[in-house]
Amino acid sequence: MWEARAVQGRGAELLEWARARVLAREPLRREVLRAPQDRVLVLTWWEADALDAELPELPEPDAELITRPVHRWRFESVE
């Protein structure tokens, strides 16, 4: 999971930036969401054996576009 908060009023620009990123390989599934306060969330699903597997990540956007460093988390399905 990748989450960033855009500078106020630039949420649409951050959303388009996230949509345009091409990863080194395609995940099983990718979903891009937006939230209040100009936040953008990208969820990706991968075929991987462990939470620490080497997987492509979305990079950091330009510092002028975001209010803080990007947050990244990895989860595994338990159901």
PDB file of N, CA and C in Angstrom:
ATOM      1  N   MET A   1       0.842  -1.158   0.000  1.00  0.00           N
ATOM      2  CA  MET A   1       0.000   0.000   0.000  1.00  0.00           C
ATOM      3  C   MET A   1       0.896   1.233   0.000  1.00  0.00           C
ATOM      4  N   TRP A   2       0.550   2.181  -0.829  1.00  0.00           N
ATOM      5  CA  TRP A   2       1.304   3.431  -0.991  1.00  0.00           C
ATOM      6  C   TRP A   2       0.324   4.567  -0.749  1.00  0.00           C
ATOM      7  N   GLU A   3       0.688   5.515   0.126  1.00  0.00           N
ATOM      8  CA  GLU A   3      -0.217   6.622   0.419  1.00  0.00           C
ATOM      9  C   GLU A   3       0.571   7.917   0.511  1.00  0.00           C
ATOM     10  N   ALA A   4       0.036   8.954  -0.133  1.00  0.00           N
ATOM     11  CA  ALA A   4       0.689  10.267  -0.115  1.00  0.00           C
ATOM     12  C   ALA A   4      -0.377  11.347   0.057  1.00  0.00           C
ATOM     13  N   ARG A   5       0.054  12.459   0.612  1.00  0.00           N
ATOM     14  CA  ARG A   5      -0.836  13.613   0.771  1.00  0.00           C
ATOM     15  C   ARG A   5      -0.260  14.766  -0.034  1.00  0.00           C
ATOM     16  N   ALA A   6      -1.069  15.267  -0.941  1.00  0.00           N
ATOM     17  CA  ALA A   6      -0.635  16.354  -1.814  1.00  0.00           C
ATOM     18  C   ALA A   6      -0.682  17.687  -1.080  1.00  0.00           C
ATOM     19  N   VAL A   7       0.075  18.616  -1.584  1.00  0.00           N
ATOM     20  CA  VAL A   7      -0.034  20.000  -1.141  1.00  0.00           C
ATOM     21  C   VAL A   7      -1.475  20.426  -1.405  1.00  0.00           C
ATOM     22  N   GLN A   8      -2.043  21.222  -0.502  1.00  0.00           N
ATOM     23  CA  GLN A   8      -3.444  21.626  -0.627  1.00  0.00           C
ATOM     24  C   GLN A   8      -3.758  22.133  -2.029  1.00  0.00           C
ATOM     25  N   GLY A   9      -4.845  21.593  -2.601  1.00  0.00           N
ATOM     26  CA  GLY A   9      -5.296  22.006  -3.921  1.00  0.00           C
ATOM     27  C   GLY A   9      -4.635  21.263  -5.074  1.00  0.00           C
ATOM     28  N   ARG A  10      -3.663  20.363  -4.774  1.00  0.00           N
ATOM     29  CA  ARG A  10      -2.967  19.646  -5.844  1.00  0.00           C
ATOM     30  C   ARG A  10      -3.279  18.151  -5.836  1.00  0.00           C
ATOM     31  N   GLY A  11      -4.389  17.778  -5.188  1.00  0.00           N
ATOM     32  CA  GLY A  11      -4.774  16.371  -5.114  1.00  0.00           C
ATOM     33  C   GLY A  11      -5.006  15.740  -6.472  1.00  0.00           C
ATOM     34  N   ALA A  12      -5.647  16.462  -7.377  1.00  0.00           N
ATOM     35  CA  ALA A  12      -5.899  15.925  -8.724  1.00  0.00           C
ATOM     36  C   ALA A  12      -4.588  15.676  -9.463  1.00  0.00           C
ATOM     37  N   GLU A  13      -3.629  16.567  -9.271  1.00  0.00           N
ATOM     38  CA  GLU A  13      -2.318  16.403  -9.914  1.00  0.00           C
ATOM     39  C   GLU A  13      -1.590  15.178  -9.356  1.00  0.00           C
ATOM     40  N   LEU A  14      -1.655  14.979  -8.039  1.00  0.00           N
ATOM     41  CA  LEU A  14      -1.035  13.797  -7.429  1.00  0.00           C
ATOM     42  C   LEU A  14      -1.734  12.524  -7.893  1.00  0.00           C
ATOM     43  N   LEU A  15      -3.052  12.571  -7.994  1.00  0.00           N
ATOM     44  CA  LEU A  15      -3.814  11.416  -8.477  1.00  0.00           C
ATOM     45  C   LEU A  15      -3.369  11.040  -9.888  1.00  0.00           C
ATOM     46  N   GLU A  16      -3.261  12.001 -10.771  1.00  0.00           N
ATOM     47  CA  GLU A  16      -2.815  11.716 -12.144  1.00  0.00           C
ATOM     48  C   GLU A  16      -1.370  11.226 -12.164  1.00  0.00           C
ATOM     49  N   TRP A  17      -0.525  11.783 -11.310  1.00  0.00           N
ATOM     50  CA  TRP A  17       0.868  11.333 -11.214  1.00  0.00           C
ATOM     51  C   TRP A  17       0.897   9.848 -10.845  1.00  0.00           C
ATOM     52  N   ALA A  18       0.124   9.449  -9.829  1.00  0.00           N
ATOM     53  CA  ALA A  18       0.100   8.044  -9.380  1.00  0.00           C
ATOM     54  C   ALA A  18      -0.449   7.129 -10.477  1.00  0.00           C
ATOM     55  N   ARG A  19      -1.482   7.559 -11.172  1.00  0.00           N
ATOM     56  CA  ARG A  19      -2.061   6.749 -12.253  1.00  0.00           C
ATOM     57  C   ARG A  19      -1.078   6.528 -13.398  1.00  0.00           C
ATOM     58  N   ALA A  20      -0.223   7.504 -13.648  1.00  0.00           N
ATOM     59  CA  ALA A  20       0.693   7.441 -14.794  1.00  0.00           C
ATOM     60  C   ALA A  20       1.955   6.622 -14.518  1.00  0.00           C
ATOM     61  N   ARG A  21       2.227   6.287 -13.249  1.00  0.00           N
ATOM     62  CA  ARG A  21       3.462   5.539 -12.934  1.00  0.00           C
ATOM     63  C   ARG A  21       3.366   4.127 -13.465  1.00  0.00           C
ATOM     64  N   VAL A  22       4.418   3.708 -14.126  1.00  0.00           N
ATOM     65  CA  VAL A  22       4.533   2.345 -14.648  1.00  0.00           C
ATOM     66  C   VAL A  22       5.548   1.614 -13.777  1.00  0.00           C
ATOM     67  N   LEU A  23       5.155   0.483 -13.250  1.00  0.00           N
ATOM     68  CA  LEU A  23       6.055  -0.311 -12.420  1.00  0.00           C
ATOM     69  C   LEU A  23       6.909  -1.221 -13.293  1.00  0.00           C
ATOM     70  N   ALA A  24       8.006  -1.697 -12.746  1.00  0.00           N
ATOM     71  CA  ALA A  24       8.927  -2.563 -13.492  1.00  0.00           C
ATOM     72  C   ALA A  24       8.235  -3.847 -13.961  1.00  0.00           C
ATOM     73  N   ARG A  25       7.228  -4.276 -13.240  1.00  0.00           N
ATOM     74  CA  ARG A  25       6.360  -5.378 -13.689  1.00  0.00           C
ATOM     75  C   ARG A  25       4.960  -5.122 -13.154  1.00  0.00           C
ATOM     76  N   GLU A  26       3.994  -5.743 -13.775  1.00  0.00           N
ATOM     77  CA  GLU A  26       2.598  -5.488 -13.433  1.00  0.00           C
ATOM     78  C   GLU A  26       2.147  -6.346 -12.250  1.00  0.00           C
ATOM     79  N   PRO A  27       1.443  -5.742 -11.300  1.00  0.00           N
ATOM     80  CA  PRO A  27       0.877  -6.527 -10.195  1.00  0.00           C
ATOM     81  C   PRO A  27      -0.328  -7.330 -10.683  1.00  0.00           C
ATOM     82  N   LEU A  28      -0.804  -8.249  -9.855  1.00  0.00           N
ATOM     83  CA  LEU A  28      -2.023  -8.993 -10.186  1.00  0.00           C
ATOM     84  C   LEU A  28      -3.208  -8.035 -10.291  1.00  0.00           C
ATOM     85  N   ARG A  29      -3.190  -7.033  -9.432  1.00  0.00           N
ATOM     86  CA  ARG A  29      -4.270  -6.042  -9.397  1.00  0.00           C
ATOM     87  C   ARG A  29      -3.697  -4.737  -8.859  1.00  0.00           C
ATOM     88  N   ARG A  30      -4.237  -3.637  -9.322  1.00  0.00           N
ATOM     89  CA  ARG A  30      -3.818  -2.304  -8.862  1.00  0.00           C
ATOM     90  C   ARG A  30      -5.057  -1.431  -8.773  1.00  0.00           C
ATOM     91  N   GLU A  31      -5.209  -0.759  -7.643  1.00  0.00           N
ATOM     92  CA  GLU A  31      -6.358   0.117  -7.446  1.00  0.00           C
ATOM     93  C   GLU A  31      -5.862   1.460  -6.916  1.00  0.00           C
ATOM     94  N   VAL A  32      -6.363   2.543  -7.500  1.00  0.00           N
ATOM     95  CA  VAL A  32      -5.973   3.896  -7.094  1.00  0.00           C
ATOM     96  C   VAL A  32      -7.209   4.559  -6.490  1.00  0.00           C
ATOM     97  N   LEU A  33      -7.039   5.109  -5.282  1.00  0.00           N
ATOM     98  CA  LEU A  33      -8.146   5.734  -4.571  1.00  0.00           C
ATOM     99  C   LEU A  33      -7.749   7.137  -4.136  1.00  0.00           C
ATOM    100  N   ARG A  34      -8.748   7.959  -3.857  1.00  0.00           N
ATOM    101  CA  ARG A  34      -8.468   9.285  -3.301  1.00  0.00           C
ATOM    102  C   ARG A  34      -9.293   9.443  -2.035  1.00  0.00           C
ATOM    103  N   ALA A  35      -8.866  10.381  -1.186  1.00  0.00           N
ATOM    104  CA  ALA A  35      -9.531  10.620   0.086  1.00  0.00           C
ATOM    105  C   ALA A  35      -9.486  12.113   0.390  1.00  0.00           C
ATOM    106  N   PRO A  36     -10.231  12.537   1.408  1.00  0.00           N
ATOM    107  CA  PRO A  36     -10.186  13.946   1.796  1.00  0.00           C
ATOM    108  C   PRO A  36      -8.758  14.396   2.102  1.00  0.00           C
ATOM    109  N   GLN A  37      -8.571  15.687   2.120  1.00  0.00           N
ATOM    110  CA  GLN A  37      -7.284  16.325   2.389  1.00  0.00           C
ATOM    111  C   GLN A  37      -6.248  16.005   1.313  1.00  0.00           C
ATOM    112  N   ASP A  38      -6.710  15.844   0.064  1.00  0.00           N
ATOM    113  CA  ASP A  38      -5.832  15.626  -1.091  1.00  0.00           C
ATOM    114  C   ASP A  38      -4.918  14.421  -0.923  1.00  0.00           C
ATOM    115  N   ARG A  39      -5.459  13.346  -0.375  1.00  0.00           N
ATOM    116  CA  ARG A  39      -4.697  12.101  -0.204  1.00  0.00           C
ATOM    117  C   ARG A  39      -4.942  11.168  -1.388  1.00  0.00           C
ATOM    118  N   VAL A  40      -3.911  10.415  -1.745  1.00  0.00           N
ATOM    119  CA  VAL A  40      -3.996   9.412  -2.806  1.00  0.00           C
ATOM    120  C   VAL A  40      -3.451   8.100  -2.246  1.00  0.00           C
ATOM    121  N   LEU A  41      -4.161   7.019  -2.515  1.00  0.00           N
ATOM    122  CA  LEU A  41      -3.795   5.698  -2.038  1.00  0.00           C
ATOM    123  C   LEU A  41      -3.704   4.763  -3.236  1.00  0.00           C
ATOM    124  N   VAL A  42      -2.639   3.978  -3.301  1.00  0.00           N
ATOM    125  CA  VAL A  42      -2.487   2.970  -4.358  1.00  0.00           C
ATOM    126  C   VAL A  42      -2.309   1.614  -3.684  1.00  0.00           C
ATOM    127  N   LEU A  43      -3.225   0.702  -3.995  1.00  0.00           N
ATOM    128  CA  LEU A  43      -3.139  -0.662  -3.491  1.00  0.00           C
ATOM    129  C   LEU A  43      -2.718  -1.563  -4.640  1.00  0.00           C
ATOM    130  N   THR A  44      -1.759  -2.427  -4.379  1.00  0.00           N
ATOM    131  CA  THR A  44      -1.337  -3.401  -5.397  1.00  0.00           C
ATOM    132  C   THR A  44      -1.361  -4.789  -4.786  1.00  0.00           C
ATOM    133  N   TRP A  45      -1.746  -5.770  -5.590  1.00  0.00           N
ATOM    134  CA  TRP A  45      -1.756  -7.167  -5.185  1.00  0.00           C
ATOM    135  C   TRP A  45      -0.694  -7.897  -5.996  1.00  0.00           C
ATOM    136  N   TRP A  46       0.118  -8.700  -5.299  1.00  0.00           N
ATOM    137  CA  TRP A  46       1.229  -9.402  -5.931  1.00  0.00           C
ATOM    138  C   TRP A  46       1.190 -10.883  -5.597  1.00  0.00           C
ATOM    139  N   GLU A  47       1.738 -11.676  -6.472  1.00  0.00           N
ATOM    140  CA  GLU A  47       1.985 -13.089  -6.204  1.00  0.00           C
ATOM    141  C   GLU A  47       3.370 -13.147  -5.577  1.00  0.00           C
ATOM    142  N   ALA A  48       3.418 -13.307  -4.246  1.00  0.00           N
ATOM    143  CA  ALA A  48       4.702 -13.316  -3.535  1.00  0.00           C
ATOM    144  C   ALA A  48       4.603 -14.239  -2.329  1.00  0.00           C
ATOM    145  N   ASP A  49       5.727 -14.827  -1.947  1.00  0.00           N
ATOM    146  CA  ASP A  49       5.744 -15.774  -0.842  1.00  0.00           C
ATOM    147  C   ASP A  49       5.905 -15.132   0.528  1.00  0.00           C
ATOM    148  N   ALA A  50       6.416 -13.909   0.586  1.00  0.00           N
ATOM    149  CA  ALA A  50       6.693 -13.294   1.881  1.00  0.00           C
ATOM    150  C   ALA A  50       6.471 -11.789   1.834  1.00  0.00           C
ATOM    151  N   LEU A  51       6.243 -11.203   2.995  1.00  0.00           N
ATOM    152  CA  LEU A  51       6.053  -9.749   3.079  1.00  0.00           C
ATOM    153  C   LEU A  51       7.306  -8.982   2.693  1.00  0.00           C
ATOM    154  N   ASP A  52       8.467  -9.619   2.807  1.00  0.00           N
ATOM    155  CA  ASP A  52       9.719  -8.932   2.481  1.00  0.00           C
ATOM    156  C   ASP A  52      10.240  -9.279   1.085  1.00  0.00           C
ATOM    157  N   ALA A  53       9.383  -9.839   0.236  1.00  0.00           N
ATOM    158  CA  ALA A  53       9.779 -10.173  -1.136  1.00  0.00           C
ATOM    159  C   ALA A  53      10.166  -8.906  -1.902  1.00  0.00           C
ATOM    160  N   GLU A  54      11.073  -9.037  -2.849  1.00  0.00           N
ATOM    161  CA  GLU A  54      11.464  -7.908  -3.696  1.00  0.00           C
ATOM    162  C   GLU A  54      10.334  -7.624  -4.693  1.00  0.00           C
ATOM    163  N   LEU A  55       9.710  -6.465  -4.556  1.00  0.00           N
ATOM    164  CA  LEU A  55       8.616  -6.074  -5.435  1.00  0.00           C
ATOM    165  C   LEU A  55       8.814  -4.629  -5.868  1.00  0.00           C
ATOM    166  N   PRO A  56       8.361  -4.278  -7.064  1.00  0.00           N
ATOM    167  CA  PRO A  56       8.458  -2.879  -7.495  1.00  0.00           C
ATOM    168  C   PRO A  56       7.611  -1.980  -6.604  1.00  0.00           C
ATOM    169  N   GLU A  57       8.079  -0.780  -6.380  1.00  0.00           N
ATOM    170  CA  GLU A  57       7.362   0.198  -5.554  1.00  0.00           C
ATOM    171  C   GLU A  57       7.168   1.489  -6.343  1.00  0.00           C
ATOM    172  N   LEU A  58       6.076   2.174  -6.089  1.00  0.00           N
ATOM    173  CA  LEU A  58       5.924   3.511  -6.646  1.00  0.00           C
ATOM    174  C   LEU A  58       6.966   4.409  -5.990  1.00  0.00           C
ATOM    175  N   PRO A  59       7.570   5.302  -6.741  1.00  0.00           N
ATOM    176  CA  PRO A  59       8.582   6.199  -6.169  1.00  0.00           C
ATOM    177  C   PRO A  59       7.940   7.341  -5.378  1.00  0.00           C
ATOM    178  N   GLU A  60       8.769   8.182  -4.820  1.00  0.00           N
ATOM    179  CA  GLU A  60       8.321   9.417  -4.175  1.00  0.00           C
ATOM    180  C   GLU A  60       8.026  10.436  -5.281  1.00  0.00           C
ATOM    181  N   PRO A  61       6.916  11.140  -5.199  1.00  0.00           N
ATOM    182  CA  PRO A  61       6.684  12.252  -6.130  1.00  0.00           C
ATOM    183  C   PRO A  61       7.656  13.388  -5.815  1.00  0.00           C
ATOM    184  N   ASP A  62       7.724  14.362  -6.686  1.00  0.00           N
ATOM    185  CA  ASP A  62       8.545  15.547  -6.415  1.00  0.00           C
ATOM    186  C   ASP A  62       8.111  16.171  -5.096  1.00  0.00           C
ATOM    187  N   ALA A  63       9.065  16.653  -4.329  1.00  0.00           N
ATOM    188  CA  ALA A  63       8.798  17.195  -2.998  1.00  0.00           C
ATOM    189  C   ALA A  63       7.801  18.355  -3.025  1.00  0.00           C
ATOM    190  N   GLU A  64       7.750  19.127  -4.106  1.00  0.00           N
ATOM    191  CA  GLU A  64       6.814  20.259  -4.190  1.00  0.00           C
ATOM    192  C   GLU A  64       5.360  19.818  -4.296  1.00  0.00           C
ATOM    193  N   LEU A  65       5.127  18.547  -4.628  1.00  0.00           N
ATOM    194  CA  LEU A  65       3.770  18.038  -4.827  1.00  0.00           C
ATOM    195  C   LEU A  65       3.173  17.455  -3.548  1.00  0.00           C
ATOM    196  N   ILE A  66       4.000  17.046  -2.595  1.00  0.00           N
ATOM    197  CA  ILE A  66       3.504  16.364  -1.401  1.00  0.00           C
ATOM    198  C   ILE A  66       3.853  17.144  -0.129  1.00  0.00           C
ATOM    199  N   THR A  67       3.070  16.886   0.923  1.00  0.00           N
ATOM    200  CA  THR A  67       3.272  17.595   2.190  1.00  0.00           C
ATOM    201  C   THR A  67       4.214  16.865   3.133  1.00  0.00           C
ATOM    202  N   ARG A  68       4.461  15.595   2.885  1.00  0.00           N
ATOM    203  CA  ARG A  68       5.313  14.777   3.746  1.00  0.00           C
ATOM    204  C   ARG A  68       5.782  13.564   2.947  1.00  0.00           C
ATOM    205  N   PRO A  69       6.747  12.815   3.462  1.00  0.00           N
ATOM    206  CA  PRO A  69       7.182  11.614   2.733  1.00  0.00           C
ATOM    207  C   PRO A  69       6.023  10.625   2.549  1.00  0.00           C
ATOM    208  N   VAL A  70       6.105   9.844   1.512  1.00  0.00           N
ATOM    209  CA  VAL A  70       5.114   8.811   1.216  1.00  0.00           C
ATOM    210  C   VAL A  70       5.131   7.758   2.320  1.00  0.00           C
ATOM    211  N   HIS A  71       3.957   7.228   2.631  1.00  0.00           N
ATOM    212  CA  HIS A  71       3.853   6.101   3.564  1.00  0.00           C
ATOM    213  C   HIS A  71       3.674   4.831   2.742  1.00  0.00           C
ATOM    214  N   ARG A  72       4.370   3.779   3.139  1.00  0.00           N
ATOM    215  CA  ARG A  72       4.250   2.479   2.469  1.00  0.00           C
ATOM    216  C   ARG A  72       4.067   1.397   3.521  1.00  0.00           C
ATOM    217  N   TRP A  73       3.120   0.500   3.262  1.00  0.00           N
ATOM    218  CA  TRP A  73       2.899  -0.648   4.129  1.00  0.00           C
ATOM    219  C   TRP A  73       2.696  -1.870   3.261  1.00  0.00           C
ATOM    220  N   ARG A  74       3.076  -3.007   3.800  1.00  0.00           N
ATOM    221  CA  ARG A  74       2.800  -4.285   3.134  1.00  0.00           C
ATOM    222  C   ARG A  74       1.901  -5.114   4.043  1.00  0.00           C
ATOM    223  N   PHE A  75       0.962  -5.771   3.418  1.00  0.00           N
ATOM    224  CA  PHE A  75       0.016  -6.626   4.125  1.00  0.00           C
ATOM    225  C   PHE A  75      -0.024  -7.976   3.426  1.00  0.00           C
ATOM    226  N   GLU A  76      -0.473  -8.974   4.130  1.00  0.00           N
ATOM    227  CA  GLU A  76      -0.728 -10.265   3.500  1.00  0.00           C
ATOM    228  C   GLU A  76      -2.148 -10.693   3.823  1.00  0.00           C
ATOM    229  N   SER A  77      -2.767 -11.355   2.877  1.00  0.00           N
ATOM    230  CA  SER A  77      -4.137 -11.823   3.062  1.00  0.00           C
ATOM    231  C   SER A  77      -4.150 -12.982   4.065  1.00  0.00           C
ATOM    232  N   VAL A  78      -5.130 -12.952   4.952  1.00  0.00           N
ATOM    233  CA  VAL A  78      -5.251 -14.018   5.931  1.00  0.00           C
ATOM    234  C   VAL A  78      -6.559 -14.775   5.770  1.00  0.00           C
ATOM    235  N   GLU A  79      -7.352 -14.422   4.823  1.00  0.00           N
ATOM    236  CA  GLU A  79      -8.629 -15.091   4.571  1.00  0.00           C
ATOM    237  C   GLU A  79      -8.602 -15.763   3.234  1.00  0.00           C
TER     238      GLU A  79
END
